[in-house]
Amino acid sequence: MFLRQLTYLIALDRYRHFSRAAESCGVSQPALSSAIRQLETELGITIIRRTRRFNGLTDEGQRVLDWARQTLAALDGLRQEAAFAQAVAGGSLSIGVMPPALQASPVLLESFRTAIPGLHLQVRLGSCADTIHRLRQQQLDLGLVYLDQIPADGPFEALPLYTEQHVLVAAEPFVLPAGRREWHTLADLPLCLLSTEMRTRQIVDAAFRGAGVTPAIVMETNSLEVLYAELLAGRLASILPVAALPTHTGHGRLQVRPLGPCATPEVGLARLAQSLPTALTVRVWEIAANMDMRDIFALG
């Protein structure tokens, strides 16, 4: 059995197509198909359901796929461990970030780079659910997520960083009254909110239901960039976590008002629990554990 056979199998599951999987691996389709057939012969099982095209994995094939992912992840960790041990600082780290924590990620990543100058970072923006899924599939090393969304019985470790707070926000010439706003007073404001599949929006919806009012939602989007553009045009208001406010990127025209009580979930790092974590992942976890981000993303 060769590692390339496991690599081909993972690529085939990802692309669900022999030609595209072969292209991603830099080999011909016959070479990829032959390697997987050889793997089936060596193991004495059928891995691929075949008709005239790829038709998914058998139950035995799914177990082989899980084993292949673990094997290649362990090998990658071994290579990184060796490289990390040889250098004063370095390594590669992939991290998933959910949009509501968009402005928290630079603070976190800068702390990593300061402590590990040679660190190479890969950052992927995605929903909380997508990030947790990719952690489970070993496609990410760390995830910046809502910790209450991590399955309690899942193979994860969690590290709280800060408590999320929601605020009312708008840009001039939109006029916001001074002081704290209660949820029932927001019913007549034209709002641009994040999409309903996002956890932060679900928190907002729950707060409105608790106040017994139906908000005037003019626009919904899953893009913070689109939402920012609407805010800065001065036509709509929004409700956002403090860590998602564009004021942290230099937009000084925004008016921010505290809101009445609503859910305040913990935001933090998640990683797949491993019996032999690499030196790099141990180090960045220690760095994050010594950070105090609660005051940074609290409304003063």
C-alpha atoms as a PDB file:
ATOM      1  CA  MET A   1       0.000   0.000   0.000  1.00  0.00           C
ATOM      2  CA  PHE A   2       1.328   3.419  -1.012  1.00  0.00           C
ATOM      3  CA  LEU A   3       0.449   6.851   0.314  1.00  0.00           C
ATOM      4  CA  ARG A   4      -0.424   7.984  -3.197  1.00  0.00           C
ATOM      5  CA  GLN A   5      -3.299   5.463  -3.256  1.00  0.00           C
ATOM      6  CA  LEU A   6      -4.747   7.076  -0.127  1.00  0.00           C
ATOM      7  CA  THR A   7      -4.253  10.528  -1.658  1.00  0.00           C
ATOM      8  CA  TYR A   8      -6.115   9.436  -4.801  1.00  0.00           C
ATOM      9  CA  LEU A   9      -8.984   8.052  -2.732  1.00  0.00           C
ATOM     10  CA  ILE A  10      -9.371  11.305  -0.780  1.00  0.00           C
ATOM     11  CA  ALA A  11      -9.308  13.310  -4.031  1.00  0.00           C
ATOM     12  CA  LEU A  12     -11.939  11.049  -5.589  1.00  0.00           C
ATOM     13  CA  ASP A  13     -14.247  11.496  -2.611  1.00  0.00           C
ATOM     14  CA  ARG A  14     -13.740  15.260  -2.797  1.00  0.00           C
ATOM     15  CA  TYR A  15     -14.366  15.702  -6.532  1.00  0.00           C
ATOM     16  CA  ARG A  16     -16.813  12.784  -7.018  1.00  0.00           C
ATOM     17  CA  HIS A  17     -15.421  12.401 -10.543  1.00  0.00           C
ATOM     18  CA  PHE A  18     -12.515  10.292 -11.787  1.00  0.00           C
ATOM     19  CA  SER A  19     -11.146  12.799 -14.325  1.00  0.00           C
ATOM     20  CA  ARG A  20     -11.268  15.812 -11.995  1.00  0.00           C
ATOM     21  CA  ALA A  21      -9.741  13.823  -9.145  1.00  0.00           C
ATOM     22  CA  ALA A  22      -6.933  12.639 -11.407  1.00  0.00           C
ATOM     23  CA  GLU A  23      -6.308  16.182 -12.658  1.00  0.00           C
ATOM     24  CA  SER A  24      -6.075  17.485  -9.075  1.00  0.00           C
ATOM     25  CA  CYS A  25      -3.473  14.802  -8.315  1.00  0.00           C
ATOM     26  CA  GLY A  26      -1.469  15.488 -11.478  1.00  0.00           C
ATOM     27  CA  VAL A  27      -1.957  11.990 -12.928  1.00  0.00           C
ATOM     28  CA  SER A  28      -3.987  10.423 -15.721  1.00  0.00           C
ATOM     29  CA  GLN A  29      -7.432   8.983 -15.063  1.00  0.00           C
ATOM     30  CA  PRO A  30      -6.305   5.413 -15.880  1.00  0.00           C
ATOM     31  CA  ALA A  31      -3.415   5.765 -13.424  1.00  0.00           C
ATOM     32  CA  LEU A  32      -5.738   6.908 -10.639  1.00  0.00           C
ATOM     33  CA  SER A  33      -8.295   4.182 -11.364  1.00  0.00           C
ATOM     34  CA  SER A  34      -5.579   1.523 -11.488  1.00  0.00           C
ATOM     35  CA  ALA A  35      -4.100   2.661  -8.153  1.00  0.00           C
ATOM     36  CA  ILE A  36      -7.475   2.475  -6.412  1.00  0.00           C
ATOM     37  CA  ARG A  37      -8.205  -0.959  -7.921  1.00  0.00           C
ATOM     38  CA  GLN A  38      -4.816  -2.087  -6.635  1.00  0.00           C
ATOM     39  CA  LEU A  39      -5.748  -0.794  -3.175  1.00  0.00           C
ATOM     40  CA  GLU A  40      -8.992  -2.772  -3.328  1.00  0.00           C
ATOM     41  CA  THR A  41      -7.045  -5.880  -4.286  1.00  0.00           C
ATOM     42  CA  GLU A  42      -4.542  -5.411  -1.463  1.00  0.00           C
ATOM     43  CA  LEU A  43      -7.301  -4.931   1.116  1.00  0.00           C
ATOM     44  CA  GLY A  44      -9.624  -7.562  -0.356  1.00  0.00           C
ATOM     45  CA  ILE A  45     -12.675  -5.279  -0.356  1.00  0.00           C
ATOM     46  CA  THR A  46     -14.660  -3.134  -2.774  1.00  0.00           C
ATOM     47  CA  ILE A  47     -14.087   0.557  -2.067  1.00  0.00           C
ATOM     48  CA  ILE A  48     -15.812   2.255  -5.017  1.00  0.00           C
ATOM     49  CA  ARG A  49     -19.358   1.758  -6.263  1.00  0.00           C
ATOM     50  CA  ARG A  50     -18.869   1.708 -10.016  1.00  0.00           C
ATOM     51  CA  THR A  51     -21.320   1.997 -12.883  1.00  0.00           C
ATOM     52  CA  ARG A  52     -20.102   3.912 -15.918  1.00  0.00           C
ATOM     53  CA  ARG A  53     -18.981   6.664 -13.583  1.00  0.00           C
ATOM     54  CA  PHE A  54     -18.122   7.252  -9.932  1.00  0.00           C
ATOM     55  CA  ASN A  55     -21.151   6.319  -7.833  1.00  0.00           C
ATOM     56  CA  GLY A  56     -19.896   6.842  -4.301  1.00  0.00           C
ATOM     57  CA  LEU A  57     -18.103   4.709  -1.732  1.00  0.00           C
ATOM     58  CA  THR A  58     -19.176   1.420  -0.241  1.00  0.00           C
ATOM     59  CA  ASP A  59     -19.530   1.177   3.527  1.00  0.00           C
ATOM     60  CA  GLU A  60     -16.120  -0.486   3.646  1.00  0.00           C
ATOM     61  CA  GLY A  61     -14.764   2.243   1.375  1.00  0.00           C
ATOM     62  CA  GLN A  62     -16.021   4.953   3.725  1.00  0.00           C
ATOM     63  CA  ARG A  63     -14.106   3.357   6.592  1.00  0.00           C
ATOM     64  CA  VAL A  64     -10.976   3.173   4.439  1.00  0.00           C
ATOM     65  CA  LEU A  65     -11.468   6.853   3.549  1.00  0.00           C
ATOM     66  CA  ASP A  66     -11.666   7.823   7.233  1.00  0.00           C
ATOM     67  CA  TRP A  67      -8.518   5.823   7.918  1.00  0.00           C
ATOM     68  CA  ALA A  68      -6.761   7.431   4.921  1.00  0.00           C
ATOM     69  CA  ARG A  69      -7.550  10.933   6.189  1.00  0.00           C
ATOM     70  CA  GLN A  70      -6.195  10.104   9.633  1.00  0.00           C
ATOM     71  CA  THR A  71      -3.071   8.537   8.162  1.00  0.00           C
ATOM     72  CA  LEU A  72      -2.218  11.461   5.887  1.00  0.00           C
ATOM     73  CA  ALA A  73      -3.012  13.986   8.623  1.00  0.00           C
ATOM     74  CA  ALA A  74      -0.665  12.139  10.978  1.00  0.00           C
ATOM     75  CA  LEU A  75       2.045  12.077   8.311  1.00  0.00           C
ATOM     76  CA  ASP A  76       1.624  15.802   7.687  1.00  0.00           C
ATOM     77  CA  GLY A  77       1.902  16.398  11.421  1.00  0.00           C
ATOM     78  CA  LEU A  78       5.093  14.327  11.542  1.00  0.00           C
ATOM     79  CA  ARG A  79       6.624  16.334   8.693  1.00  0.00           C
ATOM     80  CA  GLN A  80       5.632  19.616  10.307  1.00  0.00           C
ATOM     81  CA  GLU A  81       6.972  18.453  13.679  1.00  0.00           C
ATOM     82  CA  ALA A  82      10.328  17.671  12.104  1.00  0.00           C
ATOM     83  CA  ALA A  83      10.454  20.997  10.261  1.00  0.00           C
ATOM     84  CA  PHE A  84       9.377  22.906  13.357  1.00  0.00           C
ATOM     85  CA  ALA A  85      12.051  21.223  15.444  1.00  0.00           C
ATOM     86  CA  GLN A  86      14.736  22.228  12.951  1.00  0.00           C
ATOM     87  CA  ALA A  87      13.777  25.894  12.808  1.00  0.00           C
ATOM     88  CA  VAL A  88      13.736  28.632  15.385  1.00  0.00           C
ATOM     89  CA  ALA A  89      10.173  29.477  14.334  1.00  0.00           C
ATOM     90  CA  GLY A  90       7.935  28.429  11.488  1.00  0.00           C
ATOM     91  CA  GLY A  91       5.338  26.009  10.277  1.00  0.00           C
ATOM     92  CA  SER A  92       1.993  26.236   8.520  1.00  0.00           C
ATOM     93  CA  LEU A  93      -1.369  26.737  10.204  1.00  0.00           C
ATOM     94  CA  SER A  94      -4.839  26.688   8.646  1.00  0.00           C
ATOM     95  CA  ILE A  95      -7.629  28.453  10.506  1.00  0.00           C
ATOM     96  CA  GLY A  96     -11.320  28.874   9.757  1.00  0.00           C
ATOM     97  CA  VAL A  97     -13.049  32.097  10.799  1.00  0.00           C
ATOM     98  CA  MET A  98     -16.792  32.732  10.955  1.00  0.00           C
ATOM     99  CA  PRO A  99     -17.934  36.168   9.657  1.00  0.00           C
ATOM    100  CA  PRO A 100     -19.118  37.516  13.064  1.00  0.00           C
ATOM    101  CA  ALA A 101     -15.539  37.131  14.319  1.00  0.00           C
ATOM    102  CA  LEU A 102     -13.994  38.788  11.274  1.00  0.00           C
ATOM    103  CA  GLN A 103     -12.357  41.625  13.214  1.00  0.00           C
ATOM    104  CA  ALA A 104     -11.177  39.317  15.991  1.00  0.00           C
ATOM    105  CA  SER A 105      -9.056  37.212  13.661  1.00  0.00           C
ATOM    106  CA  PRO A 106      -6.361  39.883  12.953  1.00  0.00           C
ATOM    107  CA  VAL A 107      -5.811  40.324  16.696  1.00  0.00           C
ATOM    108  CA  LEU A 108      -5.423  36.591  17.151  1.00  0.00           C
ATOM    109  CA  LEU A 109      -3.278  35.999  14.069  1.00  0.00           C
ATOM    110  CA  GLU A 110      -0.951  38.892  14.843  1.00  0.00           C
ATOM    111  CA  SER A 111      -0.249  37.343  18.239  1.00  0.00           C
ATOM    112  CA  PHE A 112       0.633  34.084  16.502  1.00  0.00           C
ATOM    113  CA  ARG A 113       2.957  35.824  14.009  1.00  0.00           C
ATOM    114  CA  THR A 114       4.647  37.856  16.732  1.00  0.00           C
ATOM    115  CA  ALA A 115       5.497  34.737  18.730  1.00  0.00           C
ATOM    116  CA  ILE A 116       6.307  32.611  15.655  1.00  0.00           C
ATOM    117  CA  PRO A 117       7.842  34.956  13.033  1.00  0.00           C
ATOM    118  CA  GLY A 118       8.189  32.264  10.354  1.00  0.00           C
ATOM    119  CA  LEU A 119       4.581  31.133  10.624  1.00  0.00           C
ATOM    120  CA  HIS A 120       2.639  30.659   7.384  1.00  0.00           C
ATOM    121  CA  LEU A 121      -1.105  31.181   7.814  1.00  0.00           C
ATOM    122  CA  GLN A 122      -4.010  29.999   5.674  1.00  0.00           C
ATOM    123  CA  VAL A 123      -7.279  31.693   6.644  1.00  0.00           C
ATOM    124  CA  ARG A 124     -10.664  30.514   5.367  1.00  0.00           C
ATOM    125  CA  LEU A 125     -13.841  32.524   5.949  1.00  0.00           C
ATOM    126  CA  GLY A 126     -16.896  30.320   6.414  1.00  0.00           C
ATOM    127  CA  SER A 127     -19.954  29.769   8.532  1.00  0.00           C
ATOM    128  CA  CYS A 128     -19.638  28.350  12.029  1.00  0.00           C
ATOM    129  CA  ALA A 129     -21.130  25.022  10.881  1.00  0.00           C
ATOM    130  CA  ASP A 130     -18.825  24.836   7.852  1.00  0.00           C
ATOM    131  CA  THR A 131     -15.768  25.543   9.993  1.00  0.00           C
ATOM    132  CA  ILE A 132     -16.688  22.825  12.509  1.00  0.00           C
ATOM    133  CA  HIS A 133     -17.272  20.381   9.631  1.00  0.00           C
ATOM    134  CA  ARG A 134     -13.870  21.157   8.136  1.00  0.00           C
ATOM    135  CA  LEU A 135     -12.213  20.685  11.519  1.00  0.00           C
ATOM    136  CA  ARG A 136     -13.826  17.259  11.771  1.00  0.00           C
ATOM    137  CA  GLN A 137     -12.596  16.410   8.261  1.00  0.00           C
ATOM    138  CA  GLN A 138      -9.075  17.550   9.226  1.00  0.00           C
ATOM    139  CA  GLN A 139      -9.126  20.282   6.577  1.00  0.00           C
ATOM    140  CA  LEU A 140      -8.414  22.965   9.209  1.00  0.00           C
ATOM    141  CA  ASP A 141      -6.132  23.109  12.246  1.00  0.00           C
ATOM    142  CA  LEU A 142      -8.169  25.667  14.205  1.00  0.00           C
ATOM    143  CA  GLY A 143     -11.580  27.279  14.006  1.00  0.00           C
ATOM    144  CA  LEU A 144     -12.763  30.618  15.427  1.00  0.00           C
ATOM    145  CA  VAL A 145     -16.389  29.759  16.186  1.00  0.00           C
ATOM    146  CA  TYR A 146     -19.318  29.959  18.584  1.00  0.00           C
ATOM    147  CA  LEU A 147     -18.392  27.461  21.252  1.00  0.00           C
ATOM    148  CA  ASP A 148     -22.025  26.548  21.952  1.00  0.00           C
ATOM    149  CA  GLN A 149     -22.229  25.151  18.401  1.00  0.00           C
ATOM    150  CA  ILE A 150     -19.525  22.551  19.007  1.00  0.00           C
ATOM    151  CA  PRO A 151     -21.134  19.117  19.499  1.00  0.00           C
ATOM    152  CA  ALA A 152     -20.848  18.164  23.155  1.00  0.00           C
ATOM    153  CA  ASP A 153     -20.055  14.566  22.226  1.00  0.00           C
ATOM    154  CA  GLY A 154     -17.734  15.519  19.363  1.00  0.00           C
ATOM    155  CA  PRO A 155     -13.958  14.972  19.236  1.00  0.00           C
ATOM    156  CA  PHE A 156     -13.141  18.639  19.881  1.00  0.00           C
ATOM    157  CA  GLU A 157     -11.286  20.825  22.346  1.00  0.00           C
ATOM    158  CA  ALA A 158     -12.448  24.396  22.948  1.00  0.00           C
ATOM    159  CA  LEU A 159     -10.754  27.540  24.228  1.00  0.00           C
ATOM    160  CA  PRO A 160     -12.985  30.541  25.123  1.00  0.00           C
ATOM    161  CA  LEU A 161     -11.649  33.933  23.976  1.00  0.00           C
ATOM    162  CA  TYR A 162     -14.438  36.472  24.487  1.00  0.00           C
ATOM    163  CA  THR A 163     -18.187  36.854  24.994  1.00  0.00           C
ATOM    164  CA  GLU A 164     -20.121  38.188  22.029  1.00  0.00           C
ATOM    165  CA  GLN A 165     -22.136  41.386  22.429  1.00  0.00           C
ATOM    166  CA  HIS A 166     -24.632  42.747  19.896  1.00  0.00           C
ATOM    167  CA  VAL A 167     -25.043  46.457  19.213  1.00  0.00           C
ATOM    168  CA  LEU A 168     -27.215  48.702  17.073  1.00  0.00           C
ATOM    169  CA  VAL A 169     -25.185  50.446  14.384  1.00  0.00           C
ATOM    170  CA  ALA A 170     -25.800  52.997  11.624  1.00  0.00           C
ATOM    171  CA  ALA A 171     -23.836  55.632   9.702  1.00  0.00           C
ATOM    172  CA  GLU A 172     -24.656  59.288   9.153  1.00  0.00           C
ATOM    173  CA  PRO A 173     -26.983  60.721   7.955  1.00  0.00           C
ATOM    174  CA  PHE A 174     -29.078  57.977   9.574  1.00  0.00           C
ATOM    175  CA  VAL A 175     -30.001  59.294  13.031  1.00  0.00           C
ATOM    176  CA  LEU A 176     -29.796  57.040  16.083  1.00  0.00           C
ATOM    177  CA  PRO A 177     -31.001  58.361  19.437  1.00  0.00           C
ATOM    178  CA  ALA A 178     -28.333  58.421  22.122  1.00  0.00           C
ATOM    179  CA  GLY A 179     -28.146  55.860  24.880  1.00  0.00           C
ATOM    180  CA  ARG A 180     -29.079  52.240  25.246  1.00  0.00           C
ATOM    181  CA  ARG A 181     -31.892  50.945  23.053  1.00  0.00           C
ATOM    182  CA  GLU A 182     -34.331  48.274  24.159  1.00  0.00           C
ATOM    183  CA  TRP A 183     -35.379  45.696  21.579  1.00  0.00           C
ATOM    184  CA  HIS A 184     -39.039  46.735  21.539  1.00  0.00           C
ATOM    185  CA  THR A 185     -38.037  50.274  20.457  1.00  0.00           C
ATOM    186  CA  LEU A 186     -36.379  49.002  17.248  1.00  0.00           C
ATOM    187  CA  ALA A 187     -39.517  47.795  15.466  1.00  0.00           C
ATOM    188  CA  ASP A 188     -39.768  50.804  13.146  1.00  0.00           C
ATOM    189  CA  LEU A 189     -36.103  51.025  12.158  1.00  0.00           C
ATOM    190  CA  PRO A 190     -35.280  49.914   8.581  1.00  0.00           C
ATOM    191  CA  LEU A 191     -32.738  47.145   9.125  1.00  0.00           C
ATOM    192  CA  CYS A 192     -30.160  45.284   7.080  1.00  0.00           C
ATOM    193  CA  LEU A 193     -29.362  42.013   8.827  1.00  0.00           C
ATOM    194  CA  LEU A 194     -27.224  38.970   8.220  1.00  0.00           C
ATOM    195  CA  SER A 195     -28.989  35.922   6.757  1.00  0.00           C
ATOM    196  CA  THR A 196     -31.153  33.634   8.857  1.00  0.00           C
ATOM    197  CA  GLU A 197     -28.815  30.627   8.540  1.00  0.00           C
ATOM    198  CA  MET A 198     -26.172  32.522  10.492  1.00  0.00           C
ATOM    199  CA  ARG A 199     -26.036  32.015  14.261  1.00  0.00           C
ATOM    200  CA  THR A 200     -25.672  35.733  15.004  1.00  0.00           C
ATOM    201  CA  ARG A 201     -28.941  36.426  13.129  1.00  0.00           C
ATOM    202  CA  GLN A 202     -30.702  33.681  15.063  1.00  0.00           C
ATOM    203  CA  ILE A 203     -29.680  35.427  18.283  1.00  0.00           C
ATOM    204  CA  VAL A 204     -31.105  38.714  16.983  1.00  0.00           C
ATOM    205  CA  ASP A 205     -34.370  37.051  15.909  1.00  0.00           C
ATOM    206  CA  ALA A 206     -34.726  35.442  19.331  1.00  0.00           C
ATOM    207  CA  ALA A 207     -34.260  38.813  21.032  1.00  0.00           C
ATOM    208  CA  PHE A 208     -36.992  40.381  18.891  1.00  0.00           C
ATOM    209  CA  ARG A 209     -39.346  37.481  19.625  1.00  0.00           C
ATOM    210  CA  GLY A 210     -38.626  37.884  23.331  1.00  0.00           C
ATOM    211  CA  ALA A 211     -39.557  41.567  23.071  1.00  0.00           C
ATOM    212  CA  GLY A 212     -42.789  40.699  21.245  1.00  0.00           C
ATOM    213  CA  VAL A 213     -42.037  42.796  18.147  1.00  0.00           C
ATOM    214  CA  THR A 214     -41.509  42.152  14.441  1.00  0.00           C
ATOM    215  CA  PRO A 215     -38.571  44.142  13.000  1.00  0.00           C
ATOM    216  CA  ALA A 216     -38.702  45.996   9.685  1.00  0.00           C
ATOM    217  CA  ILE A 217     -36.087  44.011   7.772  1.00  0.00           C
ATOM    218  CA  VAL A 218     -35.445  45.738   4.459  1.00  0.00           C
ATOM    219  CA  MET A 219     -32.464  43.654   3.397  1.00  0.00           C
ATOM    220  CA  GLU A 220     -30.740  40.372   4.319  1.00  0.00           C
ATOM    221  CA  THR A 221     -27.311  39.217   3.212  1.00  0.00           C
ATOM    222  CA  ASN A 222     -24.698  36.603   4.051  1.00  0.00           C
ATOM    223  CA  SER A 223     -21.935  39.076   3.121  1.00  0.00           C
ATOM    224  CA  LEU A 224     -20.507  41.501   5.651  1.00  0.00           C
ATOM    225  CA  GLU A 225     -19.071  43.553   2.775  1.00  0.00           C
ATOM    226  CA  VAL A 226     -22.553  44.093   1.320  1.00  0.00           C
ATOM    227  CA  LEU A 227     -23.920  44.919   4.754  1.00  0.00           C
ATOM    228  CA  TYR A 228     -21.111  47.429   5.379  1.00  0.00           C
ATOM    229  CA  ALA A 229     -21.800  49.124   2.045  1.00  0.00           C
ATOM    230  CA  GLU A 230     -25.457  49.604   2.985  1.00  0.00           C
ATOM    231  CA  LEU A 231     -24.514  50.933   6.406  1.00  0.00           C
ATOM    232  CA  LEU A 232     -22.003  53.429   5.045  1.00  0.00           C
ATOM    233  CA  ALA A 233     -24.566  54.677   2.518  1.00  0.00           C
ATOM    234  CA  GLY A 234     -26.534  55.931   5.531  1.00  0.00           C
ATOM    235  CA  ARG A 235     -29.869  54.397   4.491  1.00  0.00           C
ATOM    236  CA  LEU A 236     -30.230  51.464   6.889  1.00  0.00           C
ATOM    237  CA  ALA A 237     -29.289  50.417  10.401  1.00  0.00           C
ATOM    238  CA  SER A 238     -28.066  46.997  11.470  1.00  0.00           C
ATOM    239  CA  ILE A 239     -27.480  44.839  14.526  1.00  0.00           C
ATOM    240  CA  LEU A 240     -24.044  43.255  14.678  1.00  0.00           C
ATOM    241  CA  PRO A 241     -21.625  41.695  17.133  1.00  0.00           C
ATOM    242  CA  VAL A 242     -18.961  44.137  18.330  1.00  0.00           C
ATOM    243  CA  ALA A 243     -16.285  41.888  16.793  1.00  0.00           C
ATOM    244  CA  ALA A 244     -17.899  42.307  13.364  1.00  0.00           C
ATOM    245  CA  LEU A 245     -18.040  46.110  13.383  1.00  0.00           C
ATOM    246  CA  PRO A 246     -16.221  47.750  10.461  1.00  0.00           C
ATOM    247  CA  THR A 247     -15.063  50.487  12.860  1.00  0.00           C
ATOM    248  CA  HIS A 248     -12.149  48.149  13.631  1.00  0.00           C
ATOM    249  CA  THR A 249     -11.019  48.612  10.027  1.00  0.00           C
ATOM    250  CA  GLY A 250     -11.052  52.387  10.133  1.00  0.00           C
ATOM    251  CA  HIS A 251     -14.656  53.364   9.324  1.00  0.00           C
ATOM    252  CA  GLY A 252     -15.195  56.185  11.797  1.00  0.00           C
ATOM    253  CA  ARG A 253     -18.630  57.347  10.618  1.00  0.00           C
ATOM    254  CA  LEU A 254     -20.553  54.637  12.384  1.00  0.00           C
ATOM    255  CA  GLN A 255     -22.818  55.358  15.341  1.00  0.00           C
ATOM    256  CA  VAL A 256     -22.923  52.485  17.834  1.00  0.00           C
ATOM    257  CA  ARG A 257     -25.548  52.037  20.529  1.00  0.00           C
ATOM    258  CA  PRO A 258     -25.752  49.370  23.250  1.00  0.00           C
ATOM    259  CA  LEU A 259     -28.806  47.118  23.253  1.00  0.00           C
ATOM    260  CA  GLY A 260     -30.959  45.510  25.902  1.00  0.00           C
ATOM    261  CA  PRO A 261     -30.273  41.956  27.041  1.00  0.00           C
ATOM    262  CA  CYS A 262     -29.921  39.112  24.547  1.00  0.00           C
ATOM    263  CA  ALA A 263     -27.965  35.881  24.316  1.00  0.00           C
ATOM    264  CA  THR A 264     -24.202  36.311  24.740  1.00  0.00           C
ATOM    265  CA  PRO A 265     -22.467  33.212  23.391  1.00  0.00           C
ATOM    266  CA  GLU A 266     -18.807  32.499  23.945  1.00  0.00           C
ATOM    267  CA  VAL A 267     -16.540  32.834  20.924  1.00  0.00           C
ATOM    268  CA  GLY A 268     -13.292  30.934  20.905  1.00  0.00           C
ATOM    269  CA  LEU A 269     -10.964  28.492  19.249  1.00  0.00           C
ATOM    270  CA  ALA A 270     -11.821  24.886  18.509  1.00  0.00           C
ATOM    271  CA  ARG A 271      -9.529  22.101  17.394  1.00  0.00           C
ATOM    272  CA  LEU A 272      -9.799  18.394  16.824  1.00  0.00           C
ATOM    273  CA  ALA A 273      -8.665  16.503  19.906  1.00  0.00           C
ATOM    274  CA  GLN A 274      -5.476  14.580  19.147  1.00  0.00           C
ATOM    275  CA  SER A 275      -3.406  12.245  21.261  1.00  0.00           C
ATOM    276  CA  LEU A 276      -0.210  13.542  19.605  1.00  0.00           C
ATOM    277  CA  PRO A 277      -0.686  17.227  18.665  1.00  0.00           C
ATOM    278  CA  THR A 278       2.171  18.876  16.813  1.00  0.00           C
ATOM    279  CA  ALA A 279       4.515  21.290  18.564  1.00  0.00           C
ATOM    280  CA  LEU A 280       3.099  24.118  16.443  1.00  0.00           C
ATOM    281  CA  THR A 281      -0.542  23.532  17.395  1.00  0.00           C
ATOM    282  CA  VAL A 282       0.461  23.202  21.052  1.00  0.00           C
ATOM    283  CA  ARG A 283       2.322  26.518  20.837  1.00  0.00           C
ATOM    284  CA  VAL A 284      -0.455  28.531  19.176  1.00  0.00           C
ATOM    285  CA  TRP A 285      -2.991  27.104  21.629  1.00  0.00           C
ATOM    286  CA  GLU A 286      -0.791  28.301  24.493  1.00  0.00           C
ATOM    287  CA  ILE A 287      -0.509  31.755  22.881  1.00  0.00           C
ATOM    288  CA  ALA A 288      -4.286  32.042  22.528  1.00  0.00           C
ATOM    289  CA  ALA A 289      -4.850  30.819  26.087  1.00  0.00           C
ATOM    290  CA  ASN A 290      -2.695  33.671  27.417  1.00  0.00           C
ATOM    291  CA  MET A 291      -4.535  36.359  25.443  1.00  0.00           C
ATOM    292  CA  ASP A 292      -7.182  38.584  27.017  1.00  0.00           C
ATOM    293  CA  MET A 293      -9.647  39.482  24.256  1.00  0.00           C
ATOM    294  CA  ARG A 294     -12.703  40.093  26.421  1.00  0.00           C
ATOM    295  CA  ASP A 295     -12.093  43.822  26.836  1.00  0.00           C
ATOM    296  CA  ILE A 296     -11.216  44.304  23.152  1.00  0.00           C
ATOM    297  CA  PHE A 297     -14.644  43.215  21.914  1.00  0.00           C
ATOM    298  CA  ALA A 298     -16.755  44.534  24.740  1.00  0.00           C
ATOM    299  CA  LEU A 299     -18.701  47.773  24.335  1.00  0.00           C
ATOM    300  CA  GLY A 300     -17.101  50.169  26.724  1.00  0.00           C
END
